[in-house]
Amino acid sequence: MMDKGLLVVSFGTSYAGTRERTIGAIERKLAERFPGRAMRRAWTSSFLIRKVAKAENLIVDTPEEALEKLAAEGVTDVIVQPTHLSDGYENQRMMEIVKSFAGRFERLAIGRPLLYTAEDRDNVARLMPQLCLAGSDDGKALLLMGHGSEKHPVPVYEQLQESFAKAGICNAFVGTVEGTPSFDDGKALLDGSGYKSVVLAPLMIVAGDHAIHDLAGEEDSWKSRLEAAGYSTDVIMAGLGEYEEIQALFAEHAEQAERI
């Protein structure tokens, strides 16, 4: 039995196909990087845990359950790596849960989410045009849809926009479904850029409900609203977790946590 563990914590998704291409792909990358650690999965959304249990008979642990099981198995050294985009509400709640287990393990390290530091955001800002506009004709802009929050401030989206500007990337813009920057904020930047052809893509680990309906739906979606405003649009229905480069960044965060 392994005495070292790796717990990968995600928000979760009820979309089975994109789950394996995103959350599953990140987990596989982490398992590849840490062959000497017993890997476990946990989700922070109890609603989604119940939903997939009922619909698919798929049992997923909460972070508390997964850590209890690792402790019961005699694991003494655990890395917890979230697949969260930012250090928002879900990640902070996960951190509180994990820290409550500090006395149960000899070593308990936590990796950071994707866009935690300024360096993280700069790295992702440089990647996004390559990932989303590769092979596209010149003259296209990129508008990314983040989730955002109406209840909790999420500064990471505006910070990512600043990273685009710092890198000299003048054709990539960010909006969110909830909170700020809004769709209108992102569109205002797009309007001022002079581009009339835009690629839409989710700035989310998983391409789920928001990508299907709010980004690319037939009515009142970002796509339909931009087309009504005279833009030509293409939509990329891929969550960030599908990209090997993003998977590698999560693995690097876990490796950095292991070295601390």
Protein backbone atom coordinates (compact mmCIF):
# COMPACT_ATOMS: atom_id res chain seq x y z
CA MET A 1 0.00 0.00 0.00
CA MET A 2 1.24 3.48 -0.89
CA ASP A 3 1.90 5.86 1.98
CA LYS A 4 1.69 8.87 -0.31
CA GLY A 5 -1.53 10.25 -1.80
CA LEU A 6 -2.68 12.78 -4.38
CA LEU A 7 -6.19 14.22 -4.02
CA VAL A 8 -7.50 16.05 -7.08
CA VAL A 9 -10.38 18.36 -6.12
CA SER A 10 -12.78 19.75 -8.74
CA PHE A 11 -16.10 21.55 -8.64
CA GLY A 12 -17.59 18.70 -10.68
CA THR A 13 -19.83 18.32 -13.73
CA SER A 14 -22.81 16.20 -14.75
CA TYR A 15 -21.74 16.19 -18.42
CA ALA A 16 -20.02 12.83 -18.77
CA GLY A 17 -18.31 13.49 -22.11
CA THR A 18 -16.66 16.77 -21.20
CA ARG A 19 -15.91 15.38 -17.71
CA GLU A 20 -13.46 12.84 -19.10
CA ARG A 21 -11.95 15.33 -21.55
CA THR A 22 -11.36 17.93 -18.82
CA ILE A 23 -11.40 16.80 -15.19
CA GLY A 24 -10.45 13.27 -16.21
CA ALA A 25 -7.65 14.50 -18.45
CA ILE A 26 -6.18 16.68 -15.68
CA GLU A 27 -6.35 13.72 -13.29
CA ARG A 28 -4.59 11.48 -15.79
CA LYS A 29 -1.84 14.06 -16.29
CA LEU A 30 -1.34 14.33 -12.54
CA ALA A 31 -1.31 10.54 -12.15
CA GLU A 32 1.34 10.38 -14.87
CA ARG A 33 3.49 12.96 -13.07
CA PHE A 34 3.07 11.28 -9.66
CA PRO A 35 3.22 7.50 -10.23
CA GLY A 36 4.29 6.93 -6.62
CA ARG A 37 1.13 8.46 -5.17
CA ALA A 38 -2.32 6.91 -4.77
CA MET A 39 -4.66 9.26 -6.64
CA ARG A 40 -8.16 10.08 -5.45
CA ARG A 41 -10.96 12.28 -6.85
CA ALA A 42 -13.18 14.67 -4.90
CA TRP A 43 -15.75 17.32 -5.88
CA THR A 44 -16.81 20.37 -3.92
CA SER A 45 -20.36 20.51 -5.34
CA SER A 46 -22.64 18.30 -3.24
CA PHE A 47 -25.44 18.97 -5.74
CA LEU A 48 -23.41 17.49 -8.61
CA ILE A 49 -22.24 14.59 -6.44
CA ARG A 50 -25.89 13.68 -5.78
CA LYS A 51 -26.85 14.23 -9.41
CA VAL A 52 -24.26 11.90 -10.93
CA ALA A 53 -24.91 9.30 -8.23
CA LYS A 54 -28.59 9.22 -9.21
CA ALA A 55 -28.16 9.54 -12.99
CA GLU A 56 -25.02 7.46 -13.55
CA ASN A 57 -24.52 5.51 -10.35
CA LEU A 58 -21.17 7.31 -10.17
CA ILE A 59 -19.94 7.77 -6.62
CA VAL A 60 -17.69 10.78 -6.04
CA ASP A 61 -16.35 11.77 -2.62
CA THR A 62 -16.45 15.18 -1.03
CA PRO A 63 -13.00 16.47 0.02
CA GLU A 64 -13.79 15.48 3.64
CA GLU A 65 -14.72 11.93 2.63
CA ALA A 66 -11.65 11.51 0.43
CA LEU A 67 -9.28 12.75 3.13
CA GLU A 68 -10.93 10.52 5.75
CA LYS A 69 -10.42 7.52 3.47
CA LEU A 70 -6.78 8.39 2.81
CA ALA A 71 -6.13 8.71 6.54
CA ALA A 72 -7.91 5.40 7.21
CA GLU A 73 -5.74 3.71 4.56
CA GLY A 74 -2.59 4.74 6.40
CA VAL A 75 -1.51 7.40 3.90
CA THR A 76 0.81 9.85 5.66
CA ASP A 77 1.86 12.29 2.90
CA VAL A 78 -0.85 13.98 0.81
CA ILE A 79 -0.81 16.58 -1.97
CA VAL A 80 -4.16 18.23 -2.64
CA GLN A 81 -4.38 19.77 -6.11
CA PRO A 82 -7.51 21.73 -7.03
CA THR A 83 -8.59 22.06 -10.65
CA HIS A 84 -10.22 25.39 -9.82
CA LEU A 85 -9.64 28.39 -12.05
CA SER A 86 -9.07 30.90 -9.27
CA ASP A 87 -8.82 31.29 -5.52
CA GLY A 88 -12.51 32.06 -5.29
CA TYR A 89 -15.22 30.81 -2.97
CA GLU A 90 -14.97 27.12 -3.93
CA ASN A 91 -11.19 27.04 -3.56
CA GLN A 92 -11.21 28.90 -0.26
CA ARG A 93 -13.87 26.57 1.12
CA MET A 94 -11.76 23.60 0.01
CA MET A 95 -8.70 25.13 1.70
CA GLU A 96 -10.55 25.39 5.01
CA ILE A 97 -11.60 21.75 4.79
CA VAL A 98 -8.11 20.54 3.90
CA LYS A 99 -6.43 22.57 6.64
CA SER A 100 -8.77 21.01 9.20
CA PHE A 101 -7.05 17.68 8.41
CA ALA A 102 -3.53 19.00 9.04
CA GLY A 103 -3.09 16.93 12.20
CA ARG A 104 -4.19 13.72 10.50
CA PHE A 105 -1.19 13.44 8.18
CA GLU A 106 2.54 13.82 8.61
CA ARG A 107 2.55 16.08 5.55
CA LEU A 108 -0.32 17.82 3.80
CA ALA A 109 0.49 20.17 0.91
CA ILE A 110 -1.95 22.15 -1.25
CA GLY A 111 -1.30 23.15 -4.86
CA ARG A 112 -2.57 26.45 -6.13
CA PRO A 113 -5.42 26.95 -8.65
CA LEU A 114 -4.76 27.83 -12.27
CA LEU A 115 -4.76 31.63 -12.04
CA TYR A 116 -3.43 32.21 -8.53
CA THR A 117 -0.32 34.36 -9.05
CA ALA A 118 0.49 37.13 -11.52
CA GLU A 119 2.92 34.72 -13.17
CA ASP A 120 0.13 32.15 -13.53
CA ARG A 121 -2.11 34.70 -15.21
CA ASP A 122 0.67 35.88 -17.51
CA ASN A 123 1.37 32.29 -18.55
CA VAL A 124 -2.29 31.60 -19.34
CA ALA A 125 -2.68 34.94 -21.12
CA ARG A 126 0.14 34.02 -23.48
CA LEU A 127 -1.37 30.58 -24.06
CA MET A 128 -4.98 31.46 -24.79
CA PRO A 129 -4.57 33.05 -28.25
CA GLN A 130 -2.33 30.13 -29.28
CA LEU A 131 -4.89 27.59 -28.09
CA CYS A 132 -8.05 29.29 -29.33
CA LEU A 133 -6.91 31.12 -32.45
CA ALA A 134 -4.43 28.57 -33.81
CA GLY A 135 -5.17 27.99 -37.47
CA SER A 136 -7.62 30.88 -37.65
CA ASP A 137 -7.31 33.53 -40.29
CA ASP A 138 -5.64 36.74 -39.28
CA GLY A 139 -7.97 39.49 -38.14
CA LYS A 140 -9.92 37.53 -35.51
CA ALA A 141 -10.44 38.50 -31.91
CA LEU A 142 -10.97 36.22 -28.93
CA LEU A 143 -13.72 36.76 -26.36
CA LEU A 144 -13.52 34.48 -23.33
CA MET A 145 -16.49 33.67 -21.10
CA GLY A 146 -15.69 33.24 -17.42
CA HIS A 147 -18.21 32.26 -14.77
CA GLY A 148 -17.81 35.17 -12.38
CA SER A 149 -19.89 35.68 -9.24
CA GLU A 150 -22.63 38.06 -8.20
CA LYS A 151 -22.01 37.34 -4.49
CA HIS A 152 -18.23 37.14 -4.19
CA PRO A 153 -15.72 39.49 -5.90
CA VAL A 154 -13.53 37.65 -8.42
CA PRO A 155 -10.72 40.04 -9.47
CA VAL A 156 -8.89 37.36 -11.47
CA TYR A 157 -10.82 38.11 -14.68
CA GLU A 158 -9.83 41.77 -14.77
CA GLN A 159 -6.30 40.74 -13.80
CA LEU A 160 -6.19 38.36 -16.75
CA GLN A 161 -7.28 41.20 -19.03
CA GLU A 162 -4.37 43.20 -17.64
CA SER A 163 -2.07 40.27 -18.42
CA PHE A 164 -3.23 40.33 -22.03
CA ALA A 165 -2.41 44.03 -22.23
CA LYS A 166 0.98 43.52 -20.55
CA ALA A 167 1.85 40.83 -23.10
CA GLY A 168 0.85 43.11 -26.00
CA ILE A 169 -2.11 40.90 -26.91
CA CYS A 170 -4.66 43.39 -28.23
CA ASN A 171 -7.26 40.97 -29.59
CA ALA A 172 -8.21 38.94 -26.47
CA PHE A 173 -10.97 40.03 -24.11
CA VAL A 174 -12.72 38.66 -21.03
CA GLY A 175 -16.32 38.79 -19.82
CA THR A 176 -18.27 36.73 -17.30
CA VAL A 177 -21.75 35.27 -16.94
CA GLU A 178 -22.16 36.69 -13.43
CA GLY A 179 -20.60 39.80 -11.96
CA THR A 180 -17.82 41.83 -13.57
CA PRO A 181 -16.46 42.13 -16.13
CA SER A 182 -19.82 41.46 -17.78
CA PHE A 183 -20.57 40.50 -21.36
CA ASP A 184 -21.15 44.21 -22.05
CA ASP A 185 -17.74 45.06 -20.59
CA GLY A 186 -16.04 42.48 -22.82
CA LYS A 187 -18.05 43.62 -25.85
CA ALA A 188 -17.11 47.26 -25.21
CA LEU A 189 -13.43 46.31 -25.43
CA LEU A 190 -14.17 44.28 -28.55
CA ASP A 191 -16.09 47.18 -30.11
CA GLY A 192 -13.16 49.50 -29.52
CA SER A 193 -10.64 47.10 -31.02
CA GLY A 194 -11.82 47.29 -34.62
CA TYR A 195 -12.18 43.51 -35.05
CA LYS A 196 -15.39 42.29 -36.66
CA SER A 197 -14.72 38.56 -36.53
CA VAL A 198 -14.59 36.94 -33.10
CA VAL A 199 -13.89 33.50 -31.67
CA LEU A 200 -15.88 32.73 -28.52
CA ALA A 201 -14.52 30.27 -25.96
CA PRO A 202 -15.25 29.32 -22.35
CA LEU A 203 -12.76 30.48 -19.73
CA MET A 204 -13.84 27.53 -17.60
CA ILE A 205 -12.23 24.22 -16.79
CA VAL A 206 -15.30 22.35 -18.06
CA ALA A 207 -17.50 23.35 -21.01
CA GLY A 208 -20.91 22.67 -19.44
CA ASP A 209 -24.23 24.49 -19.12
CA HIS A 210 -22.83 28.00 -19.47
CA ALA A 211 -20.86 27.14 -22.60
CA ILE A 212 -23.78 25.29 -24.18
CA HIS A 213 -26.49 27.81 -23.39
CA ASP A 214 -25.04 31.21 -22.42
CA LEU A 215 -22.12 31.17 -24.85
CA ALA A 216 -23.43 29.29 -27.88
CA GLY A 217 -27.22 28.96 -27.46
CA GLU A 218 -29.72 29.98 -30.09
CA GLU A 219 -31.41 32.73 -28.06
CA ASP A 220 -29.94 35.52 -25.96
CA SER A 221 -26.49 33.93 -25.98
CA TRP A 222 -23.20 35.74 -26.40
CA LYS A 223 -23.03 34.31 -29.91
CA SER A 224 -26.49 35.50 -30.92
CA ARG A 225 -26.01 38.94 -29.37
CA LEU A 226 -22.71 39.49 -31.15
CA GLU A 227 -24.13 38.34 -34.48
CA ALA A 228 -27.05 40.73 -33.99
CA ALA A 229 -24.45 43.48 -33.52
CA GLY A 230 -22.83 42.64 -36.86
CA TYR A 231 -19.99 40.34 -35.80
CA SER A 232 -19.15 37.06 -37.46
CA THR A 233 -18.56 34.39 -34.84
CA ASP A 234 -16.96 31.01 -34.29
CA VAL A 235 -17.42 29.07 -31.06
CA ILE A 236 -14.91 26.73 -29.45
CA MET A 237 -16.77 24.29 -27.21
CA ALA A 238 -13.76 23.12 -25.24
CA GLY A 239 -13.13 23.59 -21.55
CA LEU A 240 -9.67 24.66 -20.45
CA GLY A 241 -9.09 21.21 -19.01
CA GLU A 242 -9.01 19.76 -22.52
CA TYR A 243 -5.76 21.50 -23.40
CA GLU A 244 -2.56 19.64 -22.63
CA GLU A 245 -0.81 22.92 -21.88
CA ILE A 246 -3.36 23.72 -19.14
CA GLN A 247 -3.15 20.18 -17.76
CA ALA A 248 0.62 20.62 -17.56
CA LEU A 249 0.22 23.85 -15.56
CA PHE A 250 -1.87 22.06 -12.94
CA ALA A 251 0.76 19.33 -12.76
CA GLU A 252 3.47 21.97 -12.27
CA HIS A 253 1.46 23.52 -9.43
CA ALA A 254 1.24 20.12 -7.73
CA GLU A 255 4.97 19.57 -8.21
CA GLN A 256 5.71 22.95 -6.65
CA ALA A 257 3.49 22.05 -3.66
CA GLU A 258 5.41 18.78 -3.25
CA ARG A 259 8.73 20.66 -3.12
CA ILE A 260 7.63 23.06 -0.38
